[in-house]
Each structure stands twice: as C-alpha cells, then as structure tokens.
Protein backbone atom coordinates (compact mmCIF):
# COMPACT_ATOMS: atom_id res chain seq x y z
CA MET A 1 -28.26 -41.19 -68.29
CA CYS A 2 -29.55 -41.86 -64.83
CA ILE A 3 -32.32 -39.87 -63.19
CA ARG A 4 -31.33 -40.15 -59.56
CA ASP A 5 -33.90 -37.92 -57.88
CA SER A 6 -37.23 -38.22 -59.67
CA ILE A 7 -38.84 -38.61 -63.05
CA GLU A 8 -39.73 -34.91 -63.01
CA ASP A 9 -36.01 -34.16 -63.48
CA LEU A 10 -36.03 -35.67 -66.95
CA SER A 11 -35.96 -33.00 -69.67
CA ALA A 12 -35.96 -32.68 -73.44
CA ALA A 13 -32.39 -31.38 -73.30
CA VAL A 14 -31.17 -34.41 -71.35
CA MET A 15 -33.06 -36.82 -73.57
CA LEU A 16 -31.81 -35.23 -76.81
CA GLU A 17 -28.26 -35.32 -75.43
CA VAL A 18 -28.57 -39.02 -74.65
CA ILE A 19 -30.14 -39.78 -78.05
CA GLU A 20 -27.27 -38.01 -79.82
CA GLU A 21 -24.66 -39.64 -77.59
CA GLN A 22 -26.00 -43.12 -78.32
CA ALA A 23 -26.33 -42.32 -82.03
CA ALA A 24 -22.68 -41.17 -82.11
CA GLN A 25 -21.71 -44.46 -80.45
CA GLY A 26 -23.12 -46.29 -83.46
CA VAL A 27 -26.51 -47.71 -82.52
CA ASP A 28 -28.44 -48.88 -85.58
CA TYR A 29 -31.95 -48.04 -84.37
CA MET A 30 -33.87 -46.62 -81.42
CA THR A 31 -37.42 -46.85 -80.14
CA ILE A 32 -38.87 -43.37 -79.74
CA HIS A 33 -42.19 -43.09 -77.88
CA ALA A 34 -43.20 -39.81 -79.50
CA GLY A 35 -46.80 -40.89 -80.11
CA VAL A 36 -47.74 -41.19 -76.42
CA LEU A 37 -49.46 -37.86 -75.89
CA VAL A 38 -50.71 -36.21 -72.72
CA GLN A 39 -54.31 -36.27 -73.96
CA HIS A 40 -54.14 -40.08 -74.24
CA ILE A 41 -53.15 -40.66 -70.61
CA PRO A 42 -56.75 -40.54 -69.23
CA LEU A 43 -57.70 -43.27 -71.72
CA THR A 44 -55.28 -45.65 -70.02
CA THR A 45 -56.94 -45.55 -66.60
CA ARG A 46 -59.52 -48.18 -67.62
CA ARG A 47 -56.88 -50.53 -68.99
CA ILE A 48 -56.22 -53.77 -67.15
CA THR A 49 -52.44 -53.40 -67.37
CA GLY A 50 -51.98 -49.66 -67.82
CA ILE A 51 -49.14 -48.73 -70.17
CA VAL A 52 -46.91 -51.76 -70.54
CA SER A 53 -43.90 -50.34 -72.38
CA ARG A 54 -41.15 -49.04 -70.11
CA GLY A 55 -40.51 -45.94 -72.23
CA GLY A 56 -44.21 -45.19 -72.65
CA SER A 57 -44.91 -45.53 -68.93
CA ILE A 58 -41.95 -43.32 -67.98
CA LEU A 59 -43.10 -40.63 -70.41
CA ALA A 60 -46.69 -40.91 -69.19
CA GLU A 61 -45.57 -40.45 -65.60
CA TRP A 62 -43.42 -37.46 -66.60
CA MET A 63 -46.35 -35.85 -68.46
CA VAL A 64 -48.74 -36.34 -65.54
CA LYS A 65 -46.29 -34.98 -62.97
CA ASN A 66 -45.20 -32.02 -65.11
CA HIS A 67 -48.58 -31.28 -66.73
CA ARG A 68 -46.84 -30.98 -70.11
CA GLN A 69 -46.88 -32.61 -73.52
CA ASN A 70 -44.46 -35.42 -74.43
CA PHE A 71 -41.13 -33.76 -75.16
CA LEU A 72 -40.23 -36.47 -77.69
CA TYR A 73 -43.31 -35.44 -79.67
CA GLU A 74 -42.48 -31.75 -79.34
CA HIS A 75 -38.85 -32.33 -80.42
CA PHE A 76 -39.49 -35.00 -83.03
CA GLU A 77 -37.92 -32.99 -85.86
CA GLU A 78 -34.72 -32.59 -83.81
CA ILE A 79 -34.67 -36.33 -83.22
CA CYS A 80 -35.07 -36.89 -86.97
CA ARG A 81 -32.10 -34.61 -87.65
CA ILE A 82 -29.96 -36.55 -85.17
CA PHE A 83 -31.04 -39.84 -86.76
CA GLN A 84 -30.21 -38.53 -90.22
CA LYS A 85 -26.80 -37.20 -89.09
CA TYR A 86 -25.77 -40.58 -87.63
CA ASP A 87 -27.74 -42.86 -89.98
CA VAL A 88 -29.94 -44.23 -87.20
CA SER A 89 -33.29 -45.87 -87.97
CA PHE A 90 -36.51 -45.79 -86.02
CA SER A 91 -37.27 -49.25 -84.69
CA PRO A 92 -40.38 -50.96 -86.07
CA VAL A 93 -41.90 -50.45 -82.61
CA SER A 94 -41.43 -46.68 -83.04
CA TYR A 95 -43.51 -46.72 -86.21
CA THR A 96 -46.24 -48.55 -84.37
CA HIS A 97 -46.12 -46.11 -81.46
CA LEU A 98 -46.34 -43.17 -83.84
CA ALA A 99 -49.27 -44.64 -85.75
CA ARG A 100 -51.35 -46.16 -82.95
CA ARG A 101 -50.27 -44.09 -79.97
CA ILE A 102 -50.70 -46.57 -77.10
CA LEU A 103 -50.61 -50.26 -77.91
CA PRO A 104 -52.65 -52.92 -76.14
CA GLY A 105 -50.51 -54.81 -73.66
CA ILE A 106 -52.78 -57.87 -73.67
CA ALA A 107 -55.42 -59.23 -76.02
CA ALA A 108 -58.24 -58.26 -73.64
CA LEU A 109 -57.42 -54.57 -74.25
CA THR A 110 -57.58 -54.57 -78.02
CA PRO A 111 -61.14 -53.16 -78.38
CA VAL A 112 -60.72 -50.57 -75.59
CA SER A 113 -60.34 -46.89 -76.55
CA GLY A 114 -56.87 -45.48 -76.18
CA GLN A 115 -55.34 -48.11 -78.41
C-alpha cells in the first residue's frame, strides 16, 4: 500500500485489505495501533517528542485531519477475525498500545498525562 496523495486518503477498507494481504502472505505477527484514540491526541501536544511510533503518528494525523476515531479501533473485531483466519499474532507492542494507549517516547515523558 502506498498513499500517494495525502494521509486523508487512507481508509479502513484499504487498511483491512492490506492487513489481510500481508496475513495471507504468511506474516507471523503485526503491530496494530488500535489503542491510539482521537480523544488522546490533545494530550500529546505537551509532550517533548510528540507521538514517536510511526504507525501511531500516522493514525493521529489521519484522525486530526478527518475528525474521526481511529479506524483500527473501530474495526478491531474484523482485524481479530483476519488474524484468527491466518494464524497471525498481535506483536507484544500491540498489547502495550492497547493497554496504555500512547507510550512515552523518552524517560522525561513517563509521568506526563496521555501515557
């Protein structure tokens, strides 16, 4: 998948298609940033480094520009069905993203809200 024009062109349908395509190709695990929610984005503005994960920052930008909730969160059950169908695991990072939402990128951010 390549978004040639802008991040706004990314959609749940495209993302689910890519997830299933990669699962069918035999990947063992994927990192899914489903825990980065639109209501958490304002909490990142005070952070020294913003959102440091590539996937998390792309999704945050998409949410801000589209004024919508994270489509990975909204379609999480579909992602789980794809993972089950192809025996794909969530990466350990995915579990952390689901549990803690937005991780600190540096030690100085650990006590800041939005973690």
